[in-house]
Amino acid sequence: MERLNCVILAAGKGTRMRSKIPKVAHPIMGRPMVRYVVEAARSLAPERVIVATGYGKALVESCLEGAEVTFAHQQQQKGTAHALLATVALLAPGDILVLYGDVPLIKTSTLHAFIEFFRRSEGIAFMTTVVEDPSGYGRVIVDDRDGIVDIVEESEATGVVSGIKVINTGICMIRRELVSLVEAVTPDNRKGEYYLTDICKTAGRQGIKARAFFHKDAAEVLGINTRKDLLEATLAFRNAILDRHMENGVTITDRSTYIEADVTIGPDTVISPYCCLMGRTEIGQDVFIGPHVVIKDSIIENGVSIEGFTSLDGARAGEGARIGPFSRMRPKTVLKRNVKIGNFVELKNTTMGEGSQANHLSYIGDAGVGSGVNIGAGTITCNYDGRLKYRTTIGDGAFIGSNTEIVAPVTIGKDAYIGAGSTITRDVPEGALAVTRTKQRHIEDYSRRKKKCAE
C-alpha cells in the first residue's frame, strides 16, 4: 500500500454542545469520542497520525495519552484549511487522509473503500452522503462522472443550491504534492474562514478534477454536533458492543444493559437487565450478574455470582465468590476464592480470605481477613478516628459474633471467638474468646412505674 498520513482535525469547541468541554473530549461508552477516530486511523497502518488541537488543547491531548499520535496546535480556529496547514510541518512522506475528531462512528472498511477510490482519482477526493435535511452542511455539486463542480458551504448556499441533499462529510484525501492548493485558499466568504473545500475550485483551474466518493450510510460519516447527536452515537455504539459480546458467547438478557468499550467478558457469562459495566472491567467465564448491578474498573474471575443491586468499584472477586444482593465493594477490596458477601454489606480496602463470609448488615473497612472467617450481622470495623484510618487484622478461622464493634488498630488471632454485642479495643489472642458485655440486670416492676409517672 502507498504511504499515508492521517490528519485528525480536533481543534474546535463545538458550540452547539453547550459545554465547556471540547466536543471531541465528550465520552461515548467510556472513551472520548476522538479516541475512536484515532483507532480507525491507526487501523490503516499510516506513517503518522497527526491530531490538530486548539480549544481545550490540554484536555484533548490527555484524552489521547498513549495513543501514538503527534499533536499540532492550531492557535486560532480559522477553518478546516487553516487547521490542515497547522499539521503540514509534521507530515511524513505520503498522501493525506483528513478525518474529524467528532466522527467516531467511521468504520475501517469505509476508509479502505475511500482510499481505494482516491487512488483512482487525480489527487483530490471528498466523501459525500445524502441527508433529508442538509441544513448545516456544505452542498456538493457533482457532474455525471463523480466529478466535483463545487462544494458550497452552508453560509454561502442560496436558492437551488440550498436544496441540494448531497452534502460534504468533510472527510477527504489529498496527494502530498497538492498541499500547495491548500496554501492558496483565501477567506473569501461570509465567515472569513479558510475552507478546505475551496481546493476543488483551485484544482479545477489547474486542470485537476476533484472527485466525490458517495457513502450511503450518513449516520456513520457525519459529525456529532449536539447532545442529541451524542446520544444517538452512544446508542449505536452500545448496540454494537452488546452484539459483539453476544457473538463471543455472552448471554445478555435485555438491551437495557450498558457495557463500555474497554470491558472484557468471558463466554457463558449471563448478564441481567439494567446492568452497568464500566471502565477497564474484566469479567471471566460462567459469571452470573443479576439486575441493576454496577461494576467499574473491577476484575471478576470465573464462576462468580453477583446478585442484584450490587456495586463494585475497583474491586476483585475471586473464583466462585458470591456477592449480594444490595452489597457494595469499594476500591482495593479483594475477595479470594469462594468468599460469600451478603445483603447490605460494604467492604473497602479489605482482603477477605478464601471461604470467608459476611452474610449481612456489616461494614468492613481497611482490614485483612483470613480464610474461613465468619463475620456476623451488624459487625463494624471502626477504622477512622476523625483524622487517621487504622487497619484491622482477623486471623484464619476466627468467628466474629453479631453486632460487634472492632475498634482499629486491632488484631484478632487465628481461631479466636468474639462474643455477640462486644466492643473490641485490644488484640485478641489466638484461640481465645473475647466478650465485653456488661452484666444483665432486671429492674422489677419497671413498666407499671413508668406508666404511673406518665399520668
Protein backbone atom coordinates (compact mmCIF):
# COMPACT_ATOMS: atom_id res chain seq x y z
CA MET A 1 0.00 0.00 0.00
CA GLU A 2 1.16 3.52 -0.77
CA ARG A 3 2.31 5.63 2.13
CA LEU A 4 -0.30 7.51 4.11
CA ASN A 5 -0.66 10.27 6.70
CA CYS A 6 -3.83 10.54 8.76
CA VAL A 7 -4.67 14.04 9.96
CA ILE A 8 -7.46 14.34 12.51
CA LEU A 9 -8.95 17.80 12.98
CA ALA A 10 -9.93 18.22 16.64
CA ALA A 11 -9.43 21.90 17.38
CA GLY A 12 -12.99 23.19 17.58
CA LYS A 13 -15.03 23.98 20.67
CA GLY A 14 -18.34 22.62 19.45
CA THR A 15 -20.60 25.49 20.45
CA ARG A 16 -23.81 23.57 19.82
CA MET A 17 -22.85 21.11 22.56
CA ARG A 18 -23.24 24.00 25.02
CA SER A 19 -20.35 22.72 27.11
CA LYS A 20 -17.05 23.96 28.48
CA ILE A 21 -15.59 20.59 27.48
CA PRO A 22 -14.14 20.38 23.94
CA LYS A 23 -16.57 18.48 21.76
CA VAL A 24 -14.14 15.72 20.83
CA ALA A 25 -13.44 15.01 24.52
CA HIS A 26 -17.04 14.10 25.31
CA PRO A 27 -17.21 10.40 26.18
CA ILE A 28 -19.08 7.70 24.30
CA MET A 29 -19.29 4.34 26.07
CA GLY A 30 -16.38 5.19 28.34
CA ARG A 31 -14.00 6.66 25.76
CA PRO A 32 -13.56 10.21 24.48
CA MET A 33 -15.05 10.25 21.00
CA VAL A 34 -11.76 11.31 19.41
CA ARG A 35 -10.15 8.02 20.51
CA TYR A 36 -12.47 6.08 18.21
CA VAL A 37 -11.29 8.18 15.28
CA VAL A 38 -7.66 7.63 16.23
CA GLU A 39 -8.24 3.88 16.43
CA ALA A 40 -9.85 3.88 12.98
CA ALA A 41 -6.88 5.84 11.64
CA ARG A 42 -4.30 3.56 13.23
CA SER A 43 -6.02 0.51 11.71
CA LEU A 44 -4.89 1.81 8.30
CA ALA A 45 -1.22 1.46 9.31
CA PRO A 46 -0.31 5.05 8.36
CA GLU A 47 3.14 6.55 8.53
CA ARG A 48 1.86 9.08 11.05
CA VAL A 49 -1.36 10.09 12.81
CA ILE A 50 -1.43 13.83 13.49
CA VAL A 51 -4.12 15.40 15.66
CA ALA A 52 -4.72 19.13 15.27
CA THR A 53 -5.78 20.59 18.62
CA GLY A 54 -6.94 24.06 19.56
CA TYR A 55 -9.70 24.75 22.06
CA GLY A 56 -9.10 22.77 25.26
CA LYS A 57 -5.73 21.59 23.95
CA ALA A 58 -4.52 20.10 27.24
CA LEU A 59 -7.72 18.13 27.83
CA VAL A 60 -7.86 16.78 24.29
CA GLU A 61 -4.23 15.70 24.44
CA SER A 62 -4.81 14.00 27.79
CA CYS A 63 -7.69 12.07 26.19
CA LEU A 64 -5.17 10.60 23.75
CA GLU A 65 -2.44 9.71 26.21
CA GLY A 66 -0.63 6.60 24.99
CA ALA A 67 -2.43 6.65 21.63
CA GLU A 68 0.74 7.01 19.49
CA VAL A 69 -0.21 10.27 17.83
CA THR A 70 1.60 13.51 17.04
CA PHE A 71 -0.04 16.78 18.04
CA ALA A 72 -0.17 20.00 16.05
CA HIS A 73 -1.59 23.12 17.68
CA GLN A 74 -3.95 25.38 15.75
CA GLN A 75 -3.66 28.52 17.85
CA GLN A 76 -6.60 30.25 16.18
CA GLN A 77 -9.51 28.33 14.71
CA LYS A 78 -9.84 29.86 11.24
CA GLY A 79 -11.34 26.97 9.33
CA THR A 80 -10.51 23.50 8.06
CA ALA A 81 -7.84 24.54 5.57
CA HIS A 82 -6.14 26.57 8.28
CA ALA A 83 -6.24 23.53 10.60
CA LEU A 84 -4.69 21.24 7.98
CA LEU A 85 -1.89 23.74 7.32
CA ALA A 86 -1.03 23.64 11.03
CA THR A 87 -0.03 19.99 10.54
CA VAL A 88 2.00 20.29 7.32
CA ALA A 89 5.39 20.57 9.01
CA LEU A 90 4.76 17.28 10.80
CA LEU A 91 3.68 15.24 7.78
CA ALA A 92 5.68 12.19 6.75
CA PRO A 93 6.04 11.27 3.07
CA GLY A 94 2.72 10.01 1.70
CA ASP A 95 -0.80 11.07 0.85
CA ILE A 96 -3.02 12.86 3.37
CA LEU A 97 -6.29 11.48 4.71
CA VAL A 98 -8.22 14.14 6.62
CA LEU A 99 -10.56 12.88 9.35
CA TYR A 100 -12.51 14.63 12.07
CA GLY A 101 -12.39 14.04 15.79
CA ASP A 102 -16.17 14.31 16.09
CA VAL A 103 -16.93 11.45 13.64
CA PRO A 104 -16.47 8.43 15.94
CA LEU A 105 -18.72 6.02 14.03
CA ILE A 106 -16.44 5.87 10.97
CA LYS A 107 -15.58 2.27 10.07
CA THR A 108 -12.25 0.94 8.89
CA SER A 109 -13.96 -0.77 5.93
CA THR A 110 -15.39 2.58 4.82
CA LEU A 111 -11.97 4.22 4.98
CA HIS A 112 -10.39 1.40 2.98
CA ALA A 113 -13.05 1.82 0.28
CA PHE A 114 -12.47 5.58 0.24
CA ILE A 115 -8.70 5.16 -0.07
CA GLU A 116 -9.14 2.75 -2.99
CA PHE A 117 -11.41 5.31 -4.67
CA PHE A 118 -8.84 8.05 -4.07
CA ARG A 119 -6.05 6.00 -5.65
CA ARG A 120 -8.04 6.11 -8.92
CA SER A 121 -8.56 9.87 -8.69
CA GLU A 122 -6.46 12.76 -9.92
CA GLY A 123 -5.29 13.57 -6.42
CA ILE A 124 -8.27 15.02 -4.52
CA ALA A 125 -11.34 13.18 -3.21
CA PHE A 126 -14.09 14.18 -0.80
CA MET A 127 -16.53 11.82 0.91
CA THR A 128 -20.18 12.71 0.37
CA THR A 129 -23.53 11.39 1.54
CA VAL A 130 -27.22 12.24 1.26
CA VAL A 131 -29.39 13.58 4.08
CA GLU A 132 -33.04 14.60 4.15
CA ASP A 133 -32.24 17.88 5.88
CA PRO A 134 -28.96 19.33 4.60
CA SER A 135 -29.03 22.30 6.98
CA GLY A 136 -25.62 22.96 8.48
CA TYR A 137 -23.67 21.06 5.79
CA GLY A 138 -21.82 22.07 2.67
CA ARG A 139 -23.75 21.19 -0.52
CA VAL A 140 -21.86 19.21 -3.15
CA ILE A 141 -22.47 19.91 -6.82
CA VAL A 142 -21.31 16.94 -8.90
CA ASP A 143 -21.29 16.07 -12.58
CA ASP A 144 -22.40 12.73 -14.02
CA ARG A 145 -18.92 11.18 -13.56
CA ASP A 146 -18.43 11.78 -9.82
CA GLY A 147 -16.54 14.98 -10.53
CA ILE A 148 -16.99 17.79 -8.01
CA VAL A 149 -18.05 21.02 -9.69
CA ASP A 150 -18.20 22.90 -6.39
CA ILE A 151 -18.77 22.50 -2.65
CA VAL A 152 -20.84 25.36 -1.29
CA GLU A 153 -20.73 25.90 2.46
CA GLU A 154 -24.00 26.35 4.35
CA SER A 155 -23.41 30.04 4.96
CA GLU A 156 -22.95 30.60 1.22
CA ALA A 157 -25.73 28.34 -0.10
CA THR A 158 -28.71 30.13 -1.64
CA GLY A 159 -31.57 29.34 -3.99
CA VAL A 160 -31.49 25.96 -5.71
CA VAL A 161 -28.12 25.11 -4.18
CA SER A 162 -29.51 25.28 -0.63
CA GLY A 163 -31.96 22.49 -1.50
CA ILE A 164 -29.27 20.03 -2.66
CA LYS A 165 -29.28 16.96 -0.40
CA VAL A 166 -25.83 15.69 -1.39
CA ILE A 167 -23.59 17.03 1.36
CA ASN A 168 -19.91 17.10 2.23
CA THR A 169 -18.88 14.97 5.21
CA GLY A 170 -15.54 16.80 5.47
CA ILE A 171 -13.54 13.59 5.13
CA CYS A 172 -11.12 13.96 2.23
CA MET A 173 -7.82 12.82 0.72
CA ILE A 174 -5.14 14.91 -0.94
CA ARG A 175 -1.90 13.93 -2.60
CA ARG A 176 1.06 15.27 -0.68
CA GLU A 177 2.31 17.32 -3.61
CA LEU A 178 -1.04 19.16 -3.84
CA VAL A 179 -0.74 20.78 -0.42
CA SER A 180 0.08 23.99 -2.27
CA LEU A 181 -3.61 24.10 -3.21
CA VAL A 182 -4.46 24.29 0.48
CA GLU A 183 -1.93 27.07 0.97
CA ALA A 184 -3.65 29.01 -1.81
CA VAL A 185 -7.06 29.04 -0.09
CA THR A 186 -8.31 32.51 0.85
CA PRO A 187 -11.05 33.50 3.34
CA ASP A 188 -13.37 34.99 0.71
CA ASN A 189 -16.63 34.08 2.42
CA ARG A 190 -19.10 35.45 4.92
CA LYS A 191 -17.39 33.82 7.90
CA GLY A 192 -13.90 34.85 6.85
CA GLU A 193 -12.64 31.27 7.25
CA TYR A 194 -10.24 29.16 5.22
CA TYR A 195 -12.39 26.35 3.83
CA LEU A 196 -10.61 23.15 2.78
CA THR A 197 -13.39 22.57 0.25
CA ASP A 198 -12.17 25.59 -1.75
CA ILE A 199 -9.30 23.48 -3.12
CA CYS A 200 -11.80 21.92 -5.52
CA LYS A 201 -12.18 25.19 -7.47
CA THR A 202 -8.46 25.95 -7.29
CA ALA A 203 -7.61 22.46 -8.54
CA GLY A 204 -10.14 22.81 -11.38
CA ARG A 205 -8.42 25.95 -12.62
CA GLN A 206 -5.23 23.85 -12.87
CA GLY A 207 -6.99 21.06 -14.76
CA ILE A 208 -7.21 18.73 -11.74
CA LYS A 209 -10.68 17.34 -11.09
CA ALA A 210 -11.69 16.60 -7.50
CA ARG A 211 -13.88 13.52 -7.21
CA ALA A 212 -16.81 12.68 -4.94
CA PHE A 213 -16.98 9.35 -3.13
CA PHE A 214 -20.57 8.60 -2.11
CA HIS A 215 -21.27 6.73 1.13
CA LYS A 216 -24.85 5.68 1.67
CA ASP A 217 -24.85 5.48 5.50
CA ALA A 218 -24.97 9.12 6.54
CA ALA A 219 -25.12 8.32 10.26
CA GLU A 220 -21.66 6.71 10.09
CA VAL A 221 -19.85 9.61 8.47
CA LEU A 222 -21.45 12.74 9.91
CA GLY A 223 -20.07 14.60 12.90
CA ILE A 224 -21.55 14.92 16.36
CA ASN A 225 -22.67 18.49 16.87
CA THR A 226 -25.32 18.37 19.59
CA ARG A 227 -26.16 16.43 22.74
CA LYS A 228 -28.85 14.65 20.72
CA ASP A 229 -26.20 13.55 18.21
CA LEU A 230 -24.09 12.35 21.13
CA LEU A 231 -26.97 10.24 22.43
CA GLU A 232 -27.63 8.72 19.01
CA ALA A 233 -23.96 7.79 18.64
CA THR A 234 -23.93 6.32 22.13
CA LEU A 235 -26.94 4.14 21.32
CA ALA A 236 -25.29 2.95 18.13
CA PHE A 237 -22.06 2.06 19.93
CA ARG A 238 -23.95 0.42 22.80
CA ASN A 239 -25.82 -1.92 20.49
CA ALA A 240 -22.65 -2.74 18.57
CA ILE A 241 -20.85 -3.59 21.81
CA LEU A 242 -23.71 -5.79 23.02
CA ASP A 243 -23.78 -7.59 19.67
CA ARG A 244 -20.03 -8.22 19.84
CA HIS A 245 -20.24 -9.77 23.30
CA MET A 246 -23.18 -11.96 22.32
CA GLU A 247 -21.26 -13.16 19.26
CA ASN A 248 -18.45 -14.13 21.65
CA GLY A 249 -20.72 -16.31 23.81
CA VAL A 250 -22.09 -13.90 26.44
CA THR A 251 -25.79 -14.08 27.30
CA ILE A 252 -27.33 -10.61 27.56
CA THR A 253 -30.97 -10.85 28.54
CA ASP A 254 -32.00 -7.27 27.72
CA ARG A 255 -30.64 -4.35 25.68
CA SER A 256 -31.04 -2.08 28.69
CA THR A 257 -27.58 -3.34 29.67
CA TYR A 258 -24.78 -0.76 29.38
CA ILE A 259 -21.28 -2.09 28.66
CA GLU A 260 -18.44 0.33 27.95
CA ALA A 261 -15.95 -0.19 25.17
CA ASP A 262 -12.98 -1.42 27.25
CA VAL A 263 -14.89 -4.08 29.22
CA THR A 264 -13.96 -7.71 28.52
CA ILE A 265 -16.31 -10.63 29.24
CA GLY A 266 -15.76 -14.38 29.03
CA PRO A 267 -18.14 -16.87 27.40
CA ASP A 268 -21.18 -18.33 29.17
CA THR A 269 -21.48 -15.32 31.42
CA VAL A 270 -25.08 -14.19 31.94
CA ILE A 271 -25.92 -10.51 32.35
CA SER A 272 -29.37 -9.48 33.62
CA PRO A 273 -31.26 -6.29 32.68
CA TYR A 274 -30.21 -2.77 33.67
CA CYS A 275 -26.60 -3.62 34.48
CA CYS A 276 -23.82 -1.07 34.01
CA LEU A 277 -20.28 -2.36 33.33
CA MET A 278 -17.73 0.43 33.06
CA GLY A 279 -14.06 1.29 32.73
CA ARG A 280 -11.45 -1.43 32.40
CA THR A 281 -13.58 -4.14 33.95
CA GLU A 282 -12.60 -7.75 33.25
CA ILE A 283 -15.23 -10.45 33.69
CA GLY A 284 -14.40 -14.13 33.39
CA GLN A 285 -16.35 -17.15 32.23
CA ASP A 286 -19.55 -18.59 33.75
CA VAL A 287 -20.26 -15.45 35.76
CA PHE A 288 -23.82 -14.54 36.73
CA ILE A 289 -24.65 -10.86 37.08
CA GLY A 290 -28.08 -10.03 38.46
CA PRO A 291 -30.21 -6.99 37.61
CA HIS A 292 -29.19 -3.40 38.35
CA VAL A 293 -25.56 -4.32 39.10
CA VAL A 294 -22.90 -1.62 38.63
CA ILE A 295 -19.28 -2.75 38.09
CA LYS A 296 -16.44 -0.30 37.43
CA ASP A 297 -12.71 -0.96 36.95
CA SER A 298 -13.01 -4.37 38.62
CA ILE A 299 -11.84 -7.91 37.97
CA ILE A 300 -14.44 -10.67 38.26
CA GLU A 301 -12.96 -14.16 38.00
CA ASN A 302 -14.64 -17.31 36.67
CA GLY A 303 -17.80 -18.64 38.26
CA VAL A 304 -18.60 -15.59 40.38
CA SER A 305 -22.25 -14.82 41.16
CA ILE A 306 -23.27 -11.21 41.75
CA GLU A 307 -26.85 -10.71 42.85
CA GLY A 308 -28.97 -7.67 42.06
CA PHE A 309 -28.41 -4.06 43.12
CA THR A 310 -24.75 -4.67 43.97
CA SER A 311 -21.92 -2.19 43.28
CA LEU A 312 -18.24 -2.99 42.70
CA ASP A 313 -15.71 -0.22 42.12
CA GLY A 314 -12.02 -1.03 41.84
CA ALA A 315 -12.57 -4.45 43.44
CA ARG A 316 -11.54 -8.02 42.64
CA ALA A 317 -13.73 -11.08 43.15
CA GLY A 318 -12.03 -14.47 43.14
CA GLU A 319 -13.29 -17.62 41.51
CA GLY A 320 -16.57 -18.89 42.91
CA ALA A 321 -17.27 -15.83 45.08
CA ARG A 322 -20.90 -14.99 45.90
CA ILE A 323 -21.81 -11.32 46.31
CA GLY A 324 -25.07 -9.55 47.10
CA PRO A 325 -27.80 -8.62 46.75
CA PHE A 326 -27.51 -4.97 47.85
CA SER A 327 -23.77 -5.13 48.55
CA ARG A 328 -21.07 -2.56 47.94
CA MET A 329 -17.43 -3.39 47.19
CA ARG A 330 -15.35 -0.21 47.24
CA PRO A 331 -11.81 0.34 45.86
CA LYS A 332 -9.00 -2.04 46.85
CA THR A 333 -11.38 -4.74 48.00
CA VAL A 334 -10.18 -8.26 47.21
CA LEU A 335 -12.36 -11.33 47.68
CA LYS A 336 -10.50 -14.61 47.47
CA ARG A 337 -11.97 -17.89 46.21
CA ASN A 338 -15.45 -18.86 47.42
CA VAL A 339 -15.96 -15.80 49.63
CA LYS A 340 -19.60 -15.02 50.44
CA ILE A 341 -20.75 -11.44 50.84
CA GLY A 342 -24.45 -11.00 51.54
CA ASN A 343 -27.05 -8.26 51.58
CA PHE A 344 -26.23 -4.77 52.85
CA VAL A 345 -22.54 -5.50 53.39
CA GLU A 346 -19.94 -2.88 52.49
CA LEU A 347 -16.21 -3.55 52.12
CA LYS A 348 -13.47 -1.00 51.47
CA ASN A 349 -9.71 -1.58 51.12
CA THR A 350 -10.21 -5.04 52.55
CA THR A 351 -9.00 -8.51 51.63
CA MET A 352 -11.29 -11.42 52.51
CA GLY A 353 -9.52 -14.78 52.60
CA GLU A 354 -10.71 -17.92 50.89
CA GLY A 355 -14.06 -19.22 52.10
CA SER A 356 -14.71 -16.34 54.49
CA GLN A 357 -18.16 -14.84 54.73
CA ALA A 358 -20.02 -11.74 55.84
CA ASN A 359 -23.62 -12.50 55.08
CA HIS A 360 -25.49 -9.36 56.10
CA LEU A 361 -25.55 -5.86 57.52
CA SER A 362 -21.84 -5.23 58.08
CA TYR A 363 -19.11 -2.72 57.28
CA ILE A 364 -15.54 -3.98 56.94
CA GLY A 365 -13.03 -1.29 56.03
CA ASP A 366 -9.21 -1.21 55.97
CA ALA A 367 -9.00 -4.83 57.05
CA GLY A 368 -7.17 -8.03 56.32
CA VAL A 369 -9.47 -11.01 56.91
CA GLY A 370 -8.04 -14.51 56.83
CA SER A 371 -9.59 -17.64 55.34
CA GLY A 372 -12.58 -19.42 56.79
CA VAL A 373 -13.70 -16.41 58.86
CA ASN A 374 -17.34 -15.85 59.76
CA ILE A 375 -18.41 -12.25 60.31
CA GLY A 376 -21.81 -11.95 61.98
CA ALA A 377 -24.55 -9.47 61.17
CA GLY A 378 -24.05 -5.90 62.30
CA THR A 379 -20.25 -6.11 62.58
CA ILE A 380 -18.36 -2.85 62.10
CA THR A 381 -14.65 -2.15 61.86
CA CYS A 382 -14.22 1.28 63.45
CA ASN A 383 -11.31 2.30 61.23
CA TYR A 384 -11.44 6.11 61.38
CA ASP A 385 -10.85 8.34 64.38
CA GLY A 386 -11.74 11.57 62.61
CA ARG A 387 -8.18 12.18 61.48
CA LEU A 388 -6.47 8.91 60.58
CA LYS A 389 -7.51 5.47 59.39
CA TYR A 390 -6.32 2.26 61.01
CA ARG A 391 -6.29 -1.40 59.99
CA THR A 392 -7.94 -4.44 61.46
CA THR A 393 -6.42 -7.90 61.08
CA ILE A 394 -8.54 -11.01 61.58
CA GLY A 395 -6.81 -14.40 61.57
CA ASP A 396 -7.86 -17.61 59.81
CA GLY A 397 -10.87 -19.39 61.22
CA ALA A 398 -11.97 -16.58 63.53
CA PHE A 399 -15.64 -16.21 64.43
CA ILE A 400 -16.98 -12.69 64.86
CA GLY A 401 -20.32 -12.61 66.65
CA SER A 402 -23.18 -10.39 65.59
CA ASN A 403 -23.27 -6.70 66.46
CA THR A 404 -19.55 -6.49 67.15
CA GLU A 405 -17.57 -3.27 67.03
CA ILE A 406 -13.88 -3.71 66.26
CA VAL A 407 -12.00 -0.51 67.12
CA ALA A 408 -8.86 -0.42 65.00
CA PRO A 409 -5.95 -0.81 65.14
CA VAL A 410 -6.52 -4.29 66.48
CA THR A 411 -5.57 -7.89 65.66
CA ILE A 412 -7.87 -10.85 66.25
CA GLY A 413 -5.91 -14.08 66.37
CA LYS A 414 -6.41 -17.29 64.47
CA ASP A 415 -9.46 -19.33 65.56
CA ALA A 416 -10.45 -16.64 68.08
CA TYR A 417 -14.09 -16.03 69.01
CA ILE A 418 -15.78 -12.70 69.61
CA GLY A 419 -18.99 -12.83 71.61
CA ALA A 420 -22.02 -11.13 70.08
CA GLY A 421 -22.51 -7.50 71.12
CA SER A 422 -18.86 -6.94 72.06
CA THR A 423 -16.72 -3.85 71.53
CA ILE A 424 -13.15 -4.96 70.87
CA THR A 425 -10.43 -2.41 71.61
CA ARG A 426 -7.44 -4.70 72.28
CA ASP A 427 -5.78 -7.57 70.44
CA VAL A 428 -7.41 -10.96 70.91
CA PRO A 429 -5.01 -13.93 71.31
CA GLU A 430 -5.17 -16.96 69.05
CA GLY A 431 -7.97 -19.33 70.04
CA ALA A 432 -9.32 -17.02 72.77
CA LEU A 433 -12.89 -15.90 73.41
CA ALA A 434 -13.34 -12.16 73.82
CA VAL A 435 -16.53 -10.86 75.43
CA THR A 436 -17.12 -7.28 76.56
CA ARG A 437 -20.81 -7.33 77.54
CA THR A 438 -21.88 -5.82 80.84
CA LYS A 439 -23.78 -7.99 83.30
CA GLN A 440 -27.52 -8.15 82.55
CA ARG A 441 -29.74 -6.51 85.21
CA HIS A 442 -33.53 -6.58 85.70
CA ILE A 443 -35.44 -3.66 87.24
CA GLU A 444 -38.56 -5.17 88.65
CA ASP A 445 -41.98 -3.61 88.06
CA TYR A 446 -40.42 -1.06 85.66
CA SER A 447 -43.30 -0.95 83.16
CA ARG A 448 -46.01 -0.13 85.78
CA ARG A 449 -43.88 2.51 87.45
CA LYS A 450 -43.13 4.20 84.08
CA LYS A 451 -46.83 4.40 83.21
CA LYS A 452 -47.67 5.86 86.60
CA CYS A 453 -45.02 8.61 86.16
CA ALA A 454 -46.54 9.49 82.80
CA GLU A 455 -50.01 10.08 84.35
